[in-house]
Amino acid sequence: TPFQKKVLTTLCQVPRGQYTTYAAISKHLSSSPRAVGNALKNNPFAPQVPCHRVLASGGGLGGFCGSWGRNGEAGLNDDKKRKLLRDEGVKFDGKGKVVGRPWDGFK
């Protein structure tokens, strides 16, 4: 869809080793975090278009590959998302929350 194309194009701005949030992308696009998540859910260009770099605002992983953990349980793909981020240099604390500030330098 045209909106999905905007989301994926915006996502390509997030540098390797950084992360952003669904809320930051939605603010940039004047949309909602849920709409951004839905656009990313079916990313046909992953990992070249790095949807793994988008996290929940509270520092949790959020969803990945269409799976979002519920009731404190991990999503089916959380380990894969965490590994991709760690391989890029993103750090996590002992509770599994990302360390640092989300990137929001969208243009």
PDB file of N, CA and C in Angstrom:
ATOM      1  N   THR A   1       0.853  -1.184   0.000  1.00  0.00           N
ATOM      2  CA  THR A   1       0.000   0.000   0.000  1.00  0.00           C
ATOM      3  C   THR A   1       0.895   1.242   0.000  1.00  0.00           C
ATOM      4  N   PRO A   2       0.365   2.381  -0.371  1.00  0.00           N
ATOM      5  CA  PRO A   2       1.165   3.610  -0.311  1.00  0.00           C
ATOM      6  C   PRO A   2       1.660   3.924   1.106  1.00  0.00           C
ATOM      7  N   PHE A   3       0.818   3.655   2.106  1.00  0.00           N
ATOM      8  CA  PHE A   3       1.255   3.916   3.484  1.00  0.00           C
ATOM      9  C   PHE A   3       2.398   2.984   3.870  1.00  0.00           C
ATOM     10  N   GLN A   4       2.295   1.711   3.523  1.00  0.00           N
ATOM     11  CA  GLN A   4       3.369   0.771   3.840  1.00  0.00           C
ATOM     12  C   GLN A   4       4.673   1.221   3.173  1.00  0.00           C
ATOM     13  N   LYS A   5       4.586   1.700   1.956  1.00  0.00           N
ATOM     14  CA  LYS A   5       5.783   2.183   1.257  1.00  0.00           C
ATOM     15  C   LYS A   5       6.411   3.358   2.014  1.00  0.00           C
ATOM     16  N   LYS A   6       5.578   4.274   2.529  1.00  0.00           N
ATOM     17  CA  LYS A   6       6.097   5.400   3.324  1.00  0.00           C
ATOM     18  C   LYS A   6       6.794   4.906   4.589  1.00  0.00           C
ATOM     19  N   VAL A   7       6.175   3.940   5.265  1.00  0.00           N
ATOM     20  CA  VAL A   7       6.757   3.402   6.498  1.00  0.00           C
ATOM     21  C   VAL A   7       8.100   2.744   6.199  1.00  0.00           C
ATOM     22  N   LEU A   8       8.147   1.894   5.182  1.00  0.00           N
ATOM     23  CA  LEU A   8       9.381   1.180   4.855  1.00  0.00           C
ATOM     24  C   LEU A   8      10.477   2.135   4.400  1.00  0.00           C
ATOM     25  N   THR A   9      10.117   3.153   3.642  1.00  0.00           N
ATOM     26  CA  THR A   9      11.093   4.153   3.205  1.00  0.00           C
ATOM     27  C   THR A   9      11.628   4.928   4.402  1.00  0.00           C
ATOM     28  N   THR A  10      10.754   5.303   5.314  1.00  0.00           N
ATOM     29  CA  THR A  10      11.162   6.012   6.528  1.00  0.00           C
ATOM     30  C   THR A  10      12.090   5.140   7.364  1.00  0.00           C
ATOM     31  N   LEU A  11      11.762   3.885   7.484  1.00  0.00           N
ATOM     32  CA  LEU A  11      12.556   2.956   8.282  1.00  0.00           C
ATOM     33  C   LEU A  11      13.993   2.839   7.772  1.00  0.00           C
ATOM     34  N   CYS A  12      14.180   2.959   6.477  1.00  0.00           N
ATOM     35  CA  CYS A  12      15.525   2.846   5.901  1.00  0.00           C
ATOM     36  C   CYS A  12      16.470   3.939   6.389  1.00  0.00           C
ATOM     37  N   GLN A  13      15.948   4.987   7.005  1.00  0.00           N
ATOM     38  CA  GLN A  13      16.789   6.058   7.547  1.00  0.00           C
ATOM     39  C   GLN A  13      17.445   5.677   8.874  1.00  0.00           C
ATOM     40  N   VAL A  14      16.925   4.683   9.571  1.00  0.00           N
ATOM     41  CA  VAL A  14      17.442   4.316  10.889  1.00  0.00           C
ATOM     42  C   VAL A  14      18.803   3.631  10.710  1.00  0.00           C
ATOM     43  N   PRO A  15      19.867   4.218  11.270  1.00  0.00           N
ATOM     44  CA  PRO A  15      21.205   3.659  11.063  1.00  0.00           C
ATOM     45  C   PRO A  15      21.404   2.311  11.756  1.00  0.00           C
ATOM     46  N   ARG A  16      22.281   1.529  11.193  1.00  0.00           N
ATOM     47  CA  ARG A  16      22.695   0.261  11.806  1.00  0.00           C
ATOM     48  C   ARG A  16      23.233   0.562  13.201  1.00  0.00           C
ATOM     49  N   GLY A  17      22.871  -0.269  14.173  1.00  0.00           N
ATOM     50  CA  GLY A  17      23.325  -0.070  15.543  1.00  0.00           C
ATOM     51  C   GLY A  17      22.446   0.876  16.340  1.00  0.00           C
ATOM     52  N   GLN A  18      21.388   1.378  15.725  1.00  0.00           N
ATOM     53  CA  GLN A  18      20.423   2.264  16.378  1.00  0.00           C
ATOM     54  C   GLN A  18      19.057   1.592  16.331  1.00  0.00           C
ATOM     55  N   TYR A  19      18.130   2.159  17.053  1.00  0.00           N
ATOM     56  CA  TYR A  19      16.758   1.669  16.997  1.00  0.00           C
ATOM     57  C   TYR A  19      15.832   2.866  17.101  1.00  0.00           C
ATOM     58  N   THR A  20      14.599   2.666  16.693  1.00  0.00           N
ATOM     59  CA  THR A  20      13.570   3.685  16.831  1.00  0.00           C
ATOM     60  C   THR A  20      12.336   3.013  17.413  1.00  0.00           C
ATOM     61  N   THR A  21      11.241   3.736  17.495  1.00  0.00           N
ATOM     62  CA  THR A  21      10.014   3.180  18.047  1.00  0.00           C
ATOM     63  C   THR A  21       8.863   3.334  17.051  1.00  0.00           C
ATOM     64  N   TYR A  22       7.841   2.532  17.272  1.00  0.00           N
ATOM     65  CA  TYR A  22       6.628   2.656  16.457  1.00  0.00           C
ATOM     66  C   TYR A  22       6.070   4.073  16.601  1.00  0.00           C
ATOM     67  N   ALA A  23       6.142   4.613  17.816  1.00  0.00           N
ATOM     68  CA  ALA A  23       5.618   5.963  18.069  1.00  0.00           C
ATOM     69  C   ALA A  23       6.413   7.028  17.328  1.00  0.00           C
ATOM     70  N   ALA A  24       7.743   6.891  17.278  1.00  0.00           N
ATOM     71  CA  ALA A  24       8.569   7.895  16.594  1.00  0.00           C
ATOM     72  C   ALA A  24       8.274   7.913  15.098  1.00  0.00           C
ATOM     73  N   ILE A  25       8.135   6.739  14.507  1.00  0.00           N
ATOM     74  CA  ILE A  25       7.801   6.688  13.082  1.00  0.00           C
ATOM     75  C   ILE A  25       6.406   7.243  12.853  1.00  0.00           C
ATOM     76  N   SER A  26       5.469   6.886  13.720  1.00  0.00           N
ATOM     77  CA  SER A  26       4.096   7.364  13.529  1.00  0.00           C
ATOM     78  C   SER A  26       4.017   8.880  13.685  1.00  0.00           C
ATOM     79  N   LYS A  27       4.782   9.437  14.609  1.00  0.00           N
ATOM     80  CA  LYS A  27       4.802  10.895  14.770  1.00  0.00           C
ATOM     81  C   LYS A  27       5.325  11.557  13.496  1.00  0.00           C
ATOM     82  N   HIS A  28       6.399  11.011  12.949  1.00  0.00           N
ATOM     83  CA  HIS A  28       6.980  11.565  11.721  1.00  0.00           C
ATOM     84  C   HIS A  28       5.993  11.504  10.553  1.00  0.00           C
ATOM     85  N   LEU A  29       5.206  10.440  10.502  1.00  0.00           N
ATOM     86  CA  LEU A  29       4.269  10.246   9.395  1.00  0.00           C
ATOM     87  C   LEU A  29       2.855  10.739   9.708  1.00  0.00           C
ATOM     88  N   SER A  30       2.662  11.347  10.884  1.00  0.00           N
ATOM     89  CA  SER A  30       1.330  11.798  11.311  1.00  0.00           C
ATOM     90  C   SER A  30       0.324  10.648  11.245  1.00  0.00           C
ATOM     91  N   SER A  31       0.706   9.561  11.875  1.00  0.00           N
ATOM     92  CA  SER A  31      -0.119   8.361  11.862  1.00  0.00           C
ATOM     93  C   SER A  31      -0.257   7.834  13.285  1.00  0.00           C
ATOM     94  N   SER A  32      -0.466   6.534  13.429  1.00  0.00           N
ATOM     95  CA  SER A  32      -0.549   5.909  14.750  1.00  0.00           C
ATOM     96  C   SER A  32       0.475   4.782  14.843  1.00  0.00           C
ATOM     97  N   PRO A  33       0.956   4.496  16.061  1.00  0.00           N
ATOM     98  CA  PRO A  33       1.896   3.378  16.222  1.00  0.00           C
ATOM     99  C   PRO A  33       1.330   2.051  15.723  1.00  0.00           C
ATOM    100  N   ARG A  34       0.050   1.828  15.933  1.00  0.00           N
ATOM    101  CA  ARG A  34      -0.569   0.566  15.475  1.00  0.00           C
ATOM    102  C   ARG A  34      -0.534   0.454  13.952  1.00  0.00           C
ATOM    103  N   ALA A  35      -0.793   1.565  13.264  1.00  0.00           N
ATOM    104  CA  ALA A  35      -0.747   1.546  11.795  1.00  0.00           C
ATOM    105  C   ALA A  35       0.673   1.247  11.307  1.00  0.00           C
ATOM    106  N   VAL A  36       1.667   1.810  11.992  1.00  0.00           N
ATOM    107  CA  VAL A  36       3.061   1.533  11.640  1.00  0.00           C
ATOM    108  C   VAL A  36       3.361   0.051  11.851  1.00  0.00           C
ATOM    109  N   GLY A  37       2.954  -0.487  12.992  1.00  0.00           N
ATOM    110  CA  GLY A  37       3.168  -1.907  13.266  1.00  0.00           C
ATOM    111  C   GLY A  37       2.516  -2.803  12.228  1.00  0.00           C
ATOM    112  N   ASN A  38       1.314  -2.455  11.827  1.00  0.00           N
ATOM    113  CA  ASN A  38       0.628  -3.254  10.808  1.00  0.00           C
ATOM    114  C   ASN A  38       1.346  -3.181   9.469  1.00  0.00           C
ATOM    115  N   ALA A  39       1.895  -2.022   9.135  1.00  0.00           N
ATOM    116  CA  ALA A  39       2.646  -1.882   7.887  1.00  0.00           C
ATOM    117  C   ALA A  39       3.926  -2.714   7.924  1.00  0.00           C
ATOM    118  N   LEU A  40       4.548  -2.795   9.096  1.00  0.00           N
ATOM    119  CA  LEU A  40       5.795  -3.546   9.226  1.00  0.00           C
ATOM    120  C   LEU A  40       5.572  -5.050   9.339  1.00  0.00           C
ATOM    121  N   LYS A  41       4.392  -5.439   9.765  1.00  0.00           N
ATOM    122  CA  LYS A  41       4.094  -6.850  10.012  1.00  0.00           C
ATOM    123  C   LYS A  41       4.362  -7.715   8.782  1.00  0.00           C
ATOM    124  N   ASN A  42       4.120  -7.169   7.627  1.00  0.00           N
ATOM    125  CA  ASN A  42       4.295  -7.921   6.375  1.00  0.00           C
ATOM    126  C   ASN A  42       5.390  -7.320   5.507  1.00  0.00           C
ATOM    127  N   ASN A  43       6.516  -6.995   6.128  1.00  0.00           N
ATOM    128  CA  ASN A  43       7.644  -6.400   5.413  1.00  0.00           C
ATOM    129  C   ASN A  43       8.260  -7.439   4.474  1.00  0.00           C
ATOM    130  N   PRO A  44       8.055  -7.294   3.153  1.00  0.00           N
ATOM    131  CA  PRO A  44       8.592  -8.292   2.222  1.00  0.00           C
ATOM    132  C   PRO A  44      10.088  -8.118   1.956  1.00  0.00           C
ATOM    133  N   PHE A  45      10.688  -7.064   2.496  1.00  0.00           N
ATOM    134  CA  PHE A  45      12.083  -6.745   2.193  1.00  0.00           C
ATOM    135  C   PHE A  45      13.032  -6.937   3.377  1.00  0.00           C
ATOM    136  N   ALA A  46      12.547  -7.572   4.443  1.00  0.00           N
ATOM    137  CA  ALA A  46      13.388  -7.804   5.616  1.00  0.00           C
ATOM    138  C   ALA A  46      14.463  -8.839   5.287  1.00  0.00           C
ATOM    139  N   PRO A  47      15.649  -8.726   5.835  1.00  0.00           N
ATOM    140  CA  PRO A  47      16.124  -7.708   6.768  1.00  0.00           C
ATOM    141  C   PRO A  47      16.761  -6.496   6.103  1.00  0.00           C
ATOM    142  N   GLN A  48      16.769  -6.443   4.744  1.00  0.00           N
ATOM    143  CA  GLN A  48      17.356  -5.280   4.073  1.00  0.00           C
ATOM    144  C   GLN A  48      16.636  -3.991   4.461  1.00  0.00           C
ATOM    145  N   VAL A  49      15.321  -4.046   4.583  1.00  0.00           N
ATOM    146  CA  VAL A  49      14.552  -2.949   5.172  1.00  0.00           C
ATOM    147  C   VAL A  49      14.347  -3.373   6.620  1.00  0.00           C
ATOM    148  N   PRO A  50      15.116  -2.766   7.543  1.00  0.00           N
ATOM    149  CA  PRO A  50      15.332  -3.320   8.886  1.00  0.00           C
ATOM    150  C   PRO A  50      14.218  -3.090   9.897  1.00  0.00           C
ATOM    151  N   CYS A  51      13.112  -3.808   9.745  1.00  0.00           N
ATOM    152  CA  CYS A  51      12.013  -3.649  10.682  1.00  0.00           C
ATOM    153  C   CYS A  51      12.398  -4.106  12.089  1.00  0.00           C
ATOM    154  N   HIS A  52      13.472  -4.878  12.219  1.00  0.00           N
ATOM    155  CA  HIS A  52      13.922  -5.294  13.552  1.00  0.00           C
ATOM    156  C   HIS A  52      14.416  -4.103  14.377  1.00  0.00           C
ATOM    157  N   ARG A  53      14.665  -2.960  13.742  1.00  0.00           N
ATOM    158  CA  ARG A  53      15.135  -1.772  14.456  1.00  0.00           C
ATOM    159  C   ARG A  53      14.007  -0.952  15.058  1.00  0.00           C
ATOM    160  N   VAL A  54      12.770  -1.422  14.956  1.00  0.00           N
ATOM    161  CA  VAL A  54      11.628  -0.711  15.522  1.00  0.00           C
ATOM    162  C   VAL A  54      11.167  -1.446  16.779  1.00  0.00           C
ATOM    163  N   LEU A  55      11.135  -0.719  17.906  1.00  0.00           N
ATOM    164  CA  LEU A  55      10.800  -1.298  19.202  1.00  0.00           C
ATOM    165  C   LEU A  55       9.613  -0.563  19.818  1.00  0.00           C
ATOM    166  N   ALA A  56       9.071  -1.147  20.870  1.00  0.00           N
ATOM    167  CA  ALA A  56       8.002  -0.494  21.622  1.00  0.00           C
ATOM    168  C   ALA A  56       8.573   0.696  22.389  1.00  0.00           C
ATOM    169  N   SER A  57       7.755   1.678  22.670  1.00  0.00           N
ATOM    170  CA  SER A  57       8.211   2.903  23.343  1.00  0.00           C
ATOM    171  C   SER A  57       8.819   2.650  24.715  1.00  0.00           C
ATOM    172  N   GLY A  58       8.366   1.628  25.416  1.00  0.00           N
ATOM    173  CA  GLY A  58       8.891   1.331  26.738  1.00  0.00           C
ATOM    174  C   GLY A  58      10.215   0.599  26.738  1.00  0.00           C
ATOM    175  N   GLY A  59      10.798   0.375  25.561  1.00  0.00           N
ATOM    176  CA  GLY A  59      12.080  -0.301  25.477  1.00  0.00           C
ATOM    177  C   GLY A  59      11.991  -1.795  25.256  1.00  0.00           C
ATOM    178  N   GLY A  60      10.764  -2.328  25.212  1.00  0.00           N
ATOM    179  CA  GLY A  60      10.587  -3.746  24.913  1.00  0.00           C
ATOM    180  C   GLY A  60      10.705  -3.997  23.419  1.00  0.00           C
ATOM    181  N   LEU A  61      10.788  -5.253  23.055  1.00  0.00           N
ATOM    182  CA  LEU A  61      10.998  -5.592  21.651  1.00  0.00           C
ATOM    183  C   LEU A  61       9.828  -5.229  20.754  1.00  0.00           C
ATOM    184  N   GLY A  62       8.617  -5.303  21.253  1.00  0.00           N
ATOM    185  CA  GLY A  62       7.472  -5.103  20.374  1.00  0.00           C
ATOM    186  C   GLY A  62       7.278  -6.354  19.533  1.00  0.00           C
ATOM    187  N   GLY A  63       6.656  -6.208  18.394  1.00  0.00           N
ATOM    188  CA  GLY A  63       6.402  -7.355  17.533  1.00  0.00           C
ATOM    189  C   GLY A  63       7.544  -7.603  16.566  1.00  0.00           C
ATOM    190  N   PHE A  64       7.477  -8.774  15.915  1.00  0.00           N
ATOM    191  CA  PHE A  64       8.466  -9.102  14.893  1.00  0.00           C
ATOM    192  C   PHE A  64       7.934 -10.248  14.053  1.00  0.00           C
ATOM    193  N   CYS A  65       7.995 -10.083  12.749  1.00  0.00           N
ATOM    194  CA  CYS A  65       7.516 -11.112  11.801  1.00  0.00           C
ATOM    195  C   CYS A  65       6.078 -11.521  12.101  1.00  0.00           C
ATOM    196  N   GLY A  66       5.257 -10.570  12.480  1.00  0.00           N
ATOM    197  CA  GLY A  66       3.845 -10.842  12.712  1.00  0.00           C
ATOM    198  C   GLY A  66       3.507 -11.425  14.069  1.00  0.00           C
ATOM    199  N   SER A  67       4.493 -11.576  14.949  1.00  0.00           N
ATOM    200  CA  SER A  67       4.236 -12.155  16.272  1.00  0.00           C
ATOM    201  C   SER A  67       4.534 -11.125  17.350  1.00  0.00           C
ATOM    202  N   TRP A  68       3.612 -10.956  18.274  1.00  0.00           N
ATOM    203  CA  TRP A  68       3.772 -10.028  19.393  1.00  0.00           C
ATOM    204  C   TRP A  68       3.435 -10.803  20.661  1.00  0.00           C
ATOM    205  N   GLY A  69       4.367 -10.825  21.604  1.00  0.00           N
ATOM    206  CA  GLY A  69       4.116 -11.537  22.854  1.00  0.00           C
ATOM    207  C   GLY A  69       2.914 -10.980  23.596  1.00  0.00           C
ATOM    208  N   ARG A  70       2.253 -11.819  24.365  1.00  0.00           N
ATOM    209  CA  ARG A  70       1.071 -11.399  25.115  1.00  0.00           C
ATOM    210  C   ARG A  70       1.191 -11.855  26.566  1.00  0.00           C
ATOM    211  N   ASN A  71       0.625 -11.060  27.472  1.00  0.00           N
ATOM    212  CA  ASN A  71       0.555 -11.416  28.894  1.00  0.00           C
ATOM    213  C   ASN A  71       1.914 -11.784  29.492  1.00  0.00           C
ATOM    214  N   GLY A  72       2.936 -11.035  29.115  1.00  0.00           N
ATOM    215  CA  GLY A  72       4.267 -11.274  29.658  1.00  0.00           C
ATOM    216  C   GLY A  72       5.039 -12.382  28.979  1.00  0.00           C
ATOM    217  N   GLU A  73       4.399 -13.064  28.045  1.00  0.00           N
ATOM    218  CA  GLU A  73       5.077 -14.134  27.311  1.00  0.00           C
ATOM    219  C   GLU A  73       5.828 -13.543  26.113  1.00  0.00           C
ATOM    220  N   ALA A  74       6.926 -14.153  25.758  1.00  0.00           N
ATOM    221  CA  ALA A  74       7.707 -13.705  24.604  1.00  0.00           C
ATOM    222  C   ALA A  74       6.966 -14.020  23.310  1.00  0.00           C
ATOM    223  N   GLY A  75       7.188 -13.187  22.306  1.00  0.00           N
ATOM    224  CA  GLY A  75       6.664 -13.478  20.977  1.00  0.00           C
ATOM    225  C   GLY A  75       7.472 -14.601  20.344  1.00  0.00           C
ATOM    226  N   LEU A  76       6.921 -15.229  19.329  1.00  0.00           N
ATOM    227  CA  LEU A  76       7.574 -16.367  18.686  1.00  0.00           C
ATOM    228  C   LEU A  76       8.933 -16.016  18.082  1.00  0.00           C
ATOM    229  N   ASN A  77       9.125 -14.759  17.700  1.00  0.00           N
ATOM    230  CA  ASN A  77      10.338 -14.366  16.997  1.00  0.00           C
ATOM    231  C   ASN A  77      11.215 -13.405  17.794  1.00  0.00           C
ATOM    232  N   ASP A  78      10.954 -13.253  19.088  1.00  0.00           N
ATOM    233  CA  ASP A  78      11.715 -12.304  19.908  1.00  0.00           C
ATOM    234  C   ASP A  78      13.215 -12.595  19.912  1.00  0.00           C
ATOM    235  N   ASP A  79      13.589 -13.857  20.019  1.00  0.00           N
ATOM    236  CA  ASP A  79      15.016 -14.194  20.059  1.00  0.00           C
ATOM    237  C   ASP A  79      15.719 -13.779  18.769  1.00  0.00           C
ATOM    238  N   LYS A  80      15.049 -13.972  17.651  1.00  0.00           N
ATOM    239  CA  LYS A  80      15.627 -13.591  16.356  1.00  0.00           C
ATOM    240  C   LYS A  80      15.811 -12.070  16.278  1.00  0.00           C
ATOM    241  N   LYS A  81      14.800 -11.314  16.708  1.00  0.00           N
ATOM    242  CA  LYS A  81      14.879  -9.857  16.684  1.00  0.00           C
ATOM    243  C   LYS A  81      15.994  -9.370  17.605  1.00  0.00           C
ATOM    244  N   ARG A  82      16.063  -9.918  18.803  1.00  0.00           N
ATOM    245  CA  ARG A  82      17.101  -9.533  19.766  1.00  0.00           C
ATOM    246  C   ARG A  82      18.495  -9.819  19.202  1.00  0.00           C
ATOM    247  N   LYS A  83      18.658 -10.963  18.546  1.00  0.00           N
ATOM    248  CA  LYS A  83      19.951 -11.321  17.968  1.00  0.00           C
ATOM    249  C   LYS A  83      20.347 -10.348  16.858  1.00  0.00           C
ATOM    250  N   LEU A  84      19.415 -10.021  15.985  1.00  0.00           N
ATOM    251  CA  LEU A  84      19.707  -9.059  14.917  1.00  0.00           C
ATOM    252  C   LEU A  84      20.171  -7.727  15.505  1.00  0.00           C
ATOM    253  N   LEU A  85      19.476  -7.265  16.533  1.00  0.00           N
ATOM    254  CA  LEU A  85      19.841  -5.999  17.169  1.00  0.00           C
ATOM    255  C   LEU A  85      21.196  -6.093  17.866  1.00  0.00           C
ATOM    256  N   ARG A  86      21.422  -7.157  18.611  1.00  0.00           N
ATOM    257  CA  ARG A  86      22.713  -7.336  19.299  1.00  0.00           C
ATOM    258  C   ARG A  86      23.857  -7.410  18.296  1.00  0.00           C
ATOM    259  N   ASP A  87      23.646  -8.101  17.192  1.00  0.00           N
ATOM    260  CA  ASP A  87      24.678  -8.205  16.163  1.00  0.00           C
ATOM    261  C   ASP A  87      25.039  -6.844  15.573  1.00  0.00           C
ATOM    262  N   GLU A  88      24.112  -5.899  15.658  1.00  0.00           N
ATOM    263  CA  GLU A  88      24.367  -4.538  15.183  1.00  0.00           C
ATOM    264  C   GLU A  88      24.930  -3.640  16.283  1.00  0.00           C
ATOM    265  N   GLY A  89      25.010  -4.142  17.517  1.00  0.00           N
ATOM    266  CA  GLY A  89      25.584  -3.365  18.613  1.00  0.00           C
ATOM    267  C   GLY A  89      24.584  -2.747  19.569  1.00  0.00           C
ATOM    268  N   VAL A  90      23.305  -3.038  19.408  1.00  0.00           N
ATOM    269  CA  VAL A  90      22.294  -2.523  20.328  1.00  0.00           C
ATOM    270  C   VAL A  90      22.405  -3.309  21.638  1.00  0.00           C
ATOM    271  N   LYS A  91      22.359  -2.604  22.767  1.00  0.00           N
ATOM    272  CA  LYS A  91      22.517  -3.218  24.093  1.00  0.00           C
ATOM    273  C   LYS A  91      21.169  -3.360  24.796  1.00  0.00           C
ATOM    274  N   PHE A  92      21.084  -4.397  25.632  1.00  0.00           N
ATOM    275  CA  PHE A  92      19.889  -4.658  26.429  1.00  0.00           C
ATOM    276  C   PHE A  92      20.277  -4.763  27.893  1.00  0.00           C
ATOM    277  N   ASP A  93      19.361  -4.376  28.778  1.00  0.00           N
ATOM    278  CA  ASP A  93      19.615  -4.523  30.209  1.00  0.00           C
ATOM    279  C   ASP A  93      19.227  -5.936  30.655  1.00  0.00           C
ATOM    280  N   GLY A  94      19.356  -6.214  31.935  1.00  0.00           N
ATOM    281  CA  GLY A  94      19.065  -7.532  32.476  1.00  0.00           C
ATOM    282  C   GLY A  94      17.615  -7.953  32.384  1.00  0.00           C
ATOM    283  N   LYS A  95      16.725  -6.994  32.143  1.00  0.00           N
ATOM    284  CA  LYS A  95      15.296  -7.301  32.024  1.00  0.00           C
ATOM    285  C   LYS A  95      14.844  -7.419  30.571  1.00  0.00           C
ATOM    286  N   GLY A  96      15.798  -7.319  29.652  1.00  0.00           N
ATOM    287  CA  GLY A  96      15.463  -7.448  28.234  1.00  0.00           C
ATOM    288  C   GLY A  96      15.023  -6.169  27.564  1.00  0.00           C
ATOM    289  N   LYS A  97      15.156  -5.042  28.272  1.00  0.00           N
ATOM    290  CA  LYS A  97      14.799  -3.743  27.688  1.00  0.00           C
ATOM    291  C   LYS A  97      16.023  -3.141  27.017  1.00  0.00           C
ATOM    292  N   VAL A  98      15.794  -2.454  25.936  1.00  0.00           N
ATOM    293  CA  VAL A  98      16.890  -1.833  25.209  1.00  0.00           C
ATOM    294  C   VAL A  98      17.487  -0.689  26.032  1.00  0.00           C
ATOM    295  N   VAL A  99      18.788  -0.498  25.897  1.00  0.00           N
ATOM    296  CA  VAL A  99      19.505   0.553  26.610  1.00  0.00           C
ATOM    297  C   VAL A  99      19.771   1.689  25.638  1.00  0.00           C
ATOM    298  N   GLY A 100      19.558   2.907  26.096  1.00  0.00           N
ATOM    299  CA  GLY A 100      19.841   4.063  25.247  1.00  0.00           C
ATOM    300  C   GLY A 100      18.578   4.761  24.792  1.00  0.00           C
ATOM    301  N   ARG A 101      18.792   5.737  23.959  1.00  0.00           N
ATOM    302  CA  ARG A 101      17.704   6.594  23.483  1.00  0.00           C
ATOM    303  C   ARG A 101      17.331   6.199  22.047  1.00  0.00           C
ATOM    304  N   PRO A 102      16.040   6.159  21.751  1.00  0.00           N
ATOM    305  CA  PRO A 102      15.634   5.838  20.371  1.00  0.00           C
ATOM    306  C   PRO A 102      16.107   6.898  19.381  1.00  0.00           C
ATOM    307  N   TRP A 103      16.468   6.453  18.201  1.00  0.00           N
ATOM    308  CA  TRP A 103      16.850   7.357  17.120  1.00  0.00           C
ATOM    309  C   TRP A 103      15.580   7.975  16.544  1.00  0.00           C
ATOM    310  N   ASP A 104      15.614   9.291  16.323  1.00  0.00           N
ATOM    311  CA  ASP A 104      14.422   9.952  15.756  1.00  0.00           C
ATOM    312  C   ASP A 104      14.794  11.060  14.785  1.00  0.00           C
ATOM    313  N   GLY A 105      15.891  10.895  14.089  1.00  0.00           N
ATOM    314  CA  GLY A 105      16.369  11.911  13.161  1.00  0.00           C
ATOM    315  C   GLY A 105      15.758  11.833  11.779  1.00  0.00           C
ATOM    316  N   PHE A 106      14.495  11.519  11.688  1.00  0.00           N
ATOM    317  CA  PHE A 106      13.834  11.376  10.387  1.00  0.00           C
ATOM    318  C   PHE A 106      13.794  12.695   9.645  1.00  0.00           C
ATOM    319  N   LYS A 107      13.929  12.573   8.327  1.00  0.00           N
ATOM    320  CA  LYS A 107      13.871  13.764   7.463  1.00  0.00           C
ATOM    321  C   LYS A 107      12.769  13.612   6.437  1.00  0.00           C
TER     322      LYS A 107
END
